Amino acid sequence: MFPSVTQSTFLSFDCVELGPEMKFLSVDYTVRCDTSQYTYFSVFNYIVLFLFVLGVPFICSFILYKNRQEFLTGERNSSFN
């Protein structure tokens, strides 16, 4: 799921020029890149990009780093028993 969401998020920023002053979203040719619909779509994509695409790996890395001693020594924290 993560790779497909990441790919879709980045593809949703790509506009294709199909003629003079005619740019459309590459994943949905009904959305023109010079309209407010594209602007709203881009805002949503930035939110997904920061929260999901960048946020999930960051949070997982933070949790692993914070608990690295427990992973390395094999000791368990008593609060998780």
C-alpha atoms as a PDB file:
ATOM      1  CA  MET A   1       0.000   0.000   0.000  1.00  0.00           C
ATOM      2  CA  PHE A   2       2.765   2.447   0.893  1.00  0.00           C
ATOM      3  CA  PRO A   3       4.584   2.305  -2.483  1.00  0.00           C
ATOM      4  CA  SER A   4       1.369   2.735  -4.465  1.00  0.00           C
ATOM      5  CA  VAL A   5       0.237   5.720  -2.366  1.00  0.00           C
ATOM      6  CA  THR A   6       3.687   7.274  -2.714  1.00  0.00           C
ATOM      7  CA  GLN A   7       3.685   6.792  -6.471  1.00  0.00           C
ATOM      8  CA  SER A   8       0.162   8.181  -6.820  1.00  0.00           C
ATOM      9  CA  THR A   9       1.049  11.199  -4.704  1.00  0.00           C
ATOM     10  CA  PHE A  10       4.043  12.122  -6.845  1.00  0.00           C
ATOM     11  CA  LEU A  11       2.235  11.408 -10.123  1.00  0.00           C
ATOM     12  CA  SER A  12      -0.579  13.708  -9.058  1.00  0.00           C
ATOM     13  CA  PHE A  13       1.749  16.714  -9.353  1.00  0.00           C
ATOM     14  CA  ASP A  14       2.636  15.957 -12.970  1.00  0.00           C
ATOM     15  CA  CYS A  15       0.930  18.018 -15.663  1.00  0.00           C
ATOM     16  CA  VAL A  16       1.019  17.122 -19.361  1.00  0.00           C
ATOM     17  CA  GLU A  17       0.853  19.753 -22.092  1.00  0.00           C
ATOM     18  CA  LEU A  18      -1.571  18.618 -24.799  1.00  0.00           C
ATOM     19  CA  GLY A  19      -1.623  21.827 -26.792  1.00  0.00           C
ATOM     20  CA  PRO A  20      -0.941  25.508 -26.587  1.00  0.00           C
ATOM     21  CA  GLU A  21      -1.951  26.616 -23.094  1.00  0.00           C
ATOM     22  CA  MET A  22      -3.656  23.281 -22.412  1.00  0.00           C
ATOM     23  CA  LYS A  23      -2.084  21.460 -19.470  1.00  0.00           C
ATOM     24  CA  PHE A  24      -3.858  18.551 -17.848  1.00  0.00           C
ATOM     25  CA  LEU A  25      -3.123  16.387 -14.854  1.00  0.00           C
ATOM     26  CA  SER A  26      -1.346  13.257 -16.076  1.00  0.00           C
ATOM     27  CA  VAL A  27      -3.380  10.884 -13.898  1.00  0.00           C
ATOM     28  CA  ASP A  28      -6.751  12.519 -14.680  1.00  0.00           C
ATOM     29  CA  TYR A  29      -7.195  14.320 -17.985  1.00  0.00           C
ATOM     30  CA  THR A  30     -10.430  15.937 -16.801  1.00  0.00           C
ATOM     31  CA  VAL A  31      -8.442  18.191 -14.439  1.00  0.00           C
ATOM     32  CA  ARG A  32      -6.764  21.204 -16.036  1.00  0.00           C
ATOM     33  CA  CYS A  33      -3.615  22.405 -14.302  1.00  0.00           C
ATOM     34  CA  ASP A  34      -4.620  26.070 -14.435  1.00  0.00           C
ATOM     35  CA  THR A  35      -7.880  25.714 -12.486  1.00  0.00           C
ATOM     36  CA  SER A  36      -8.827  25.952  -8.833  1.00  0.00           C
ATOM     37  CA  GLN A  37      -9.693  22.246  -8.906  1.00  0.00           C
ATOM     38  CA  TYR A  38      -6.013  21.478  -9.523  1.00  0.00           C
ATOM     39  CA  THR A  39      -5.019  23.864  -6.728  1.00  0.00           C
ATOM     40  CA  TYR A  40      -7.251  22.013  -4.252  1.00  0.00           C
ATOM     41  CA  PHE A  41      -5.943  18.718  -5.578  1.00  0.00           C
ATOM     42  CA  SER A  42      -2.351  19.909  -5.049  1.00  0.00           C
ATOM     43  CA  VAL A  43      -3.054  21.034  -1.485  1.00  0.00           C
ATOM     44  CA  PHE A  44      -4.476  17.598  -0.704  1.00  0.00           C
ATOM     45  CA  ASN A  45      -1.431  15.958  -2.296  1.00  0.00           C
ATOM     46  CA  TYR A  46       0.960  18.050  -0.198  1.00  0.00           C
ATOM     47  CA  ILE A  47      -0.916  17.023   2.948  1.00  0.00           C
ATOM     48  CA  VAL A  48      -0.693  13.338   1.966  1.00  0.00           C
ATOM     49  CA  LEU A  49       2.959  13.792   1.041  1.00  0.00           C
ATOM     50  CA  PHE A  50       3.946  15.236   4.408  1.00  0.00           C
ATOM     51  CA  LEU A  51       1.691  13.163   6.661  1.00  0.00           C
ATOM     52  CA  PHE A  52       1.842   9.780   4.997  1.00  0.00           C
ATOM     53  CA  VAL A  53       4.736   9.564   2.550  1.00  0.00           C
ATOM     54  CA  LEU A  54       7.252  11.348   4.789  1.00  0.00           C
ATOM     55  CA  GLY A  55       5.540  11.085   8.183  1.00  0.00           C
ATOM     56  CA  VAL A  56       5.139   7.314   8.476  1.00  0.00           C
ATOM     57  CA  PRO A  57       8.816   6.462   7.807  1.00  0.00           C
ATOM     58  CA  PHE A  58       9.919   9.291  10.101  1.00  0.00           C
ATOM     59  CA  ILE A  59       7.715   8.098  12.970  1.00  0.00           C
ATOM     60  CA  CYS A  60       8.806   4.476  12.506  1.00  0.00           C
ATOM     61  CA  SER A  61      12.467   5.527  12.453  1.00  0.00           C
ATOM     62  CA  PHE A  62      11.971   7.652  15.563  1.00  0.00           C
ATOM     63  CA  ILE A  63      10.348   4.765  17.465  1.00  0.00           C
ATOM     64  CA  LEU A  64      13.121   2.376  16.430  1.00  0.00           C
ATOM     65  CA  TYR A  65      15.827   4.863  17.373  1.00  0.00           C
ATOM     66  CA  LYS A  66      14.214   5.606  20.723  1.00  0.00           C
ATOM     67  CA  ASN A  67      14.009   1.915  21.601  1.00  0.00           C
ATOM     68  CA  ARG A  68      17.318   0.848  20.054  1.00  0.00           C
ATOM     69  CA  GLN A  69      18.855  -0.285  23.350  1.00  0.00           C
ATOM     70  CA  GLU A  70      15.986  -2.671  23.973  1.00  0.00           C
ATOM     71  CA  PHE A  71      16.385  -4.123  20.497  1.00  0.00           C
ATOM     72  CA  LEU A  72      20.147  -4.480  20.824  1.00  0.00           C
ATOM     73  CA  THR A  73      20.203  -6.007  24.313  1.00  0.00           C
ATOM     74  CA  GLY A  74      17.018  -8.027  24.060  1.00  0.00           C
ATOM     75  CA  GLU A  75      15.686  -6.599  27.335  1.00  0.00           C
ATOM     76  CA  ARG A  76      12.029  -5.708  27.515  1.00  0.00           C
ATOM     77  CA  ASN A  77      10.607  -2.594  29.088  1.00  0.00           C
ATOM     78  CA  SER A  78       8.404  -3.485  32.066  1.00  0.00           C
ATOM     79  CA  SER A  79       5.686  -1.095  30.902  1.00  0.00           C
ATOM     80  CA  PHE A  80       4.997  -3.326  27.877  1.00  0.00           C
ATOM     81  CA  ASN A  81       4.532  -6.597  29.802  1.00  0.00           C
END
